[in-house]
């Protein structure tokens, strides 16, 4: 079984989505859940950003 490489660009993109959801939840629904989403989003963005040199190339 081949081991797949991790796509760190996807980590960064997922982090952006979590940050957006966190801001929305923080402003309107639940402050605790919003802060948690922002924290998870920041973590994903840090992981993706630290490994930017390993981002897969986009096919055009």
N, C-alpha and C. Protein backbone atom coordinates (compact mmCIF):
# COMPACT_ATOMS: atom_id res chain seq x y z
N UNK A 1 0.85 -1.19 0.00
CA UNK A 1 0.00 0.00 0.00
C UNK A 1 0.89 1.24 0.00
N UNK A 2 0.61 2.14 -0.94
CA UNK A 2 1.38 3.37 -1.04
C UNK A 2 0.93 4.36 0.02
N UNK A 3 1.90 5.03 0.61
CA UNK A 3 1.58 6.06 1.58
C UNK A 3 1.42 7.39 0.85
N UNK A 4 0.28 8.03 1.01
CA UNK A 4 0.01 9.29 0.32
C UNK A 4 0.71 10.44 1.03
N UNK A 5 1.13 11.42 0.23
CA UNK A 5 1.72 12.62 0.78
C UNK A 5 0.63 13.54 1.31
N UNK A 6 0.97 14.30 2.32
CA UNK A 6 0.01 15.23 2.91
C UNK A 6 -0.04 16.49 2.05
N UNK A 7 -1.24 16.95 1.77
CA UNK A 7 -1.44 18.17 0.99
C UNK A 7 -1.59 19.35 1.96
N UNK A 8 -0.50 20.06 2.18
CA UNK A 8 -0.51 21.15 3.16
C UNK A 8 -1.27 22.36 2.67
N UNK A 9 -1.45 22.49 1.35
CA UNK A 9 -2.28 23.59 0.83
C UNK A 9 -3.72 23.40 1.30
N UNK A 10 -4.18 22.16 1.36
CA UNK A 10 -5.53 21.87 1.84
C UNK A 10 -5.66 22.22 3.32
N UNK A 11 -4.61 21.97 4.11
CA UNK A 11 -4.63 22.36 5.52
C UNK A 11 -4.87 23.86 5.64
N UNK A 12 -4.16 24.64 4.83
CA UNK A 12 -4.30 26.09 4.90
C UNK A 12 -5.72 26.51 4.50
N UNK A 13 -6.25 25.92 3.44
CA UNK A 13 -7.60 26.26 2.98
C UNK A 13 -8.66 25.89 4.02
N UNK A 14 -8.51 24.74 4.64
CA UNK A 14 -9.46 24.33 5.69
C UNK A 14 -9.37 25.29 6.87
N UNK A 15 -8.17 25.76 7.16
CA UNK A 15 -8.00 26.74 8.24
C UNK A 15 -8.74 28.03 7.97
N UNK A 16 -8.71 28.48 6.73
CA UNK A 16 -9.43 29.70 6.35
C UNK A 16 -10.93 29.50 6.55
N UNK A 17 -11.43 28.34 6.17
CA UNK A 17 -12.86 28.04 6.33
C UNK A 17 -13.24 28.01 7.81
N UNK A 18 -12.43 27.37 8.63
CA UNK A 18 -12.71 27.32 10.06
C UNK A 18 -12.67 28.71 10.69
N UNK A 19 -11.74 29.55 10.24
CA UNK A 19 -11.67 30.91 10.77
C UNK A 19 -12.94 31.68 10.44
N UNK A 20 -13.41 31.55 9.21
CA UNK A 20 -14.65 32.22 8.81
C UNK A 20 -15.85 31.74 9.61
N UNK A 21 -15.93 30.44 9.79
CA UNK A 21 -17.03 29.89 10.60
C UNK A 21 -16.91 30.36 12.04
N UNK A 22 -15.70 30.46 12.54
CA UNK A 22 -15.49 30.92 13.92
C UNK A 22 -15.93 32.35 14.12
N UNK A 23 -15.62 33.21 13.17
CA UNK A 23 -16.04 34.62 13.26
C UNK A 23 -17.55 34.71 13.22
N UNK A 24 -18.17 33.91 12.36
CA UNK A 24 -19.64 33.92 12.27
C UNK A 24 -20.27 33.45 13.57
N UNK A 25 -19.77 32.35 14.11
CA UNK A 25 -20.32 31.84 15.36
C UNK A 25 -20.06 32.80 16.52
N UNK A 26 -18.88 33.41 16.52
CA UNK A 26 -18.53 34.34 17.59
C UNK A 26 -19.46 35.54 17.59
N UNK A 27 -19.82 36.01 16.41
CA UNK A 27 -20.65 37.20 16.30
C UNK A 27 -22.13 36.94 16.53
N UNK A 28 -22.60 35.73 16.21
CA UNK A 28 -24.05 35.56 16.22
C UNK A 28 -24.58 34.40 17.04
N UNK A 29 -23.86 33.31 17.16
CA UNK A 29 -24.45 32.11 17.76
C UNK A 29 -23.94 31.85 19.17
N UNK A 30 -22.67 31.48 19.27
CA UNK A 30 -22.12 31.05 20.55
C UNK A 30 -20.66 31.47 20.62
N UNK A 31 -20.33 32.30 21.60
CA UNK A 31 -18.97 32.83 21.69
C UNK A 31 -17.94 31.74 21.95
N UNK A 32 -18.25 30.76 22.76
CA UNK A 32 -17.31 29.68 23.06
C UNK A 32 -17.01 28.82 21.85
N UNK A 33 -18.04 28.47 21.12
CA UNK A 33 -17.87 27.67 19.91
C UNK A 33 -17.13 28.46 18.84
N UNK A 34 -17.43 29.75 18.74
CA UNK A 34 -16.74 30.60 17.78
C UNK A 34 -15.25 30.69 18.08
N UNK A 35 -14.90 30.84 19.35
CA UNK A 35 -13.49 30.91 19.73
C UNK A 35 -12.79 29.58 19.45
N UNK A 36 -13.49 28.48 19.65
CA UNK A 36 -12.90 27.17 19.37
C UNK A 36 -12.64 27.01 17.87
N UNK A 37 -13.60 27.41 17.04
CA UNK A 37 -13.40 27.33 15.59
C UNK A 37 -12.25 28.21 15.13
N UNK A 38 -12.13 29.40 15.70
CA UNK A 38 -11.03 30.29 15.35
C UNK A 38 -9.70 29.65 15.74
N UNK A 39 -9.65 29.03 16.92
CA UNK A 39 -8.43 28.36 17.35
C UNK A 39 -8.04 27.21 16.45
N UNK A 40 -9.01 26.38 16.07
CA UNK A 40 -8.74 25.26 15.18
C UNK A 40 -8.30 25.78 13.81
N UNK A 41 -8.97 26.82 13.33
CA UNK A 41 -8.60 27.41 12.04
C UNK A 41 -7.20 27.97 12.06
N UNK A 42 -6.84 28.65 13.13
CA UNK A 42 -5.48 29.20 13.24
C UNK A 42 -4.45 28.07 13.25
N UNK A 43 -4.76 27.00 13.95
CA UNK A 43 -3.84 25.86 14.01
C UNK A 43 -3.63 25.25 12.63
N UNK A 44 -4.72 25.02 11.90
CA UNK A 44 -4.60 24.47 10.54
C UNK A 44 -3.82 25.42 9.63
N UNK A 45 -4.07 26.72 9.75
CA UNK A 45 -3.36 27.68 8.91
C UNK A 45 -1.87 27.71 9.24
N UNK A 46 -1.52 27.58 10.51
CA UNK A 46 -0.11 27.55 10.91
C UNK A 46 0.57 26.31 10.35
N UNK A 47 -0.10 25.16 10.46
CA UNK A 47 0.48 23.92 9.93
C UNK A 47 0.69 24.04 8.42
N UNK A 48 -0.31 24.55 7.71
CA UNK A 48 -0.19 24.70 6.26
C UNK A 48 0.85 25.73 5.87
N UNK A 49 0.92 26.82 6.61
CA UNK A 49 1.88 27.87 6.29
C UNK A 49 3.32 27.48 6.57
N UNK A 50 3.53 26.74 7.65
CA UNK A 50 4.89 26.29 7.99
C UNK A 50 5.44 25.32 6.96
N UNK A 51 4.57 24.61 6.26
CA UNK A 51 4.98 23.62 5.27
C UNK A 51 4.68 24.09 3.85
N UNK A 52 4.77 25.39 3.63
CA UNK A 52 4.45 25.95 2.32
C UNK A 52 5.36 25.40 1.23
N UNK A 53 6.57 25.05 1.57
CA UNK A 53 7.49 24.50 0.58
C UNK A 53 7.06 23.12 0.10
N UNK A 54 6.16 22.46 0.82
CA UNK A 54 5.67 21.13 0.46
C UNK A 54 4.30 21.15 -0.21
N UNK A 55 3.78 22.35 -0.51
CA UNK A 55 2.48 22.46 -1.16
C UNK A 55 2.57 21.80 -2.52
N UNK A 56 1.52 21.08 -2.88
CA UNK A 56 1.47 20.44 -4.19
C UNK A 56 1.26 21.50 -5.26
N UNK A 57 1.84 21.26 -6.41
CA UNK A 57 1.70 22.18 -7.53
C UNK A 57 0.29 22.06 -8.12
N UNK A 58 -0.27 23.19 -8.50
CA UNK A 58 -1.60 23.19 -9.11
C UNK A 58 -1.44 22.97 -10.60
N UNK A 59 -2.18 22.00 -11.13
CA UNK A 59 -2.14 21.73 -12.56
C UNK A 59 -2.98 22.75 -13.30
N UNK A 60 -2.45 23.28 -14.40
CA UNK A 60 -3.20 24.29 -15.17
C UNK A 60 -3.54 23.75 -16.52
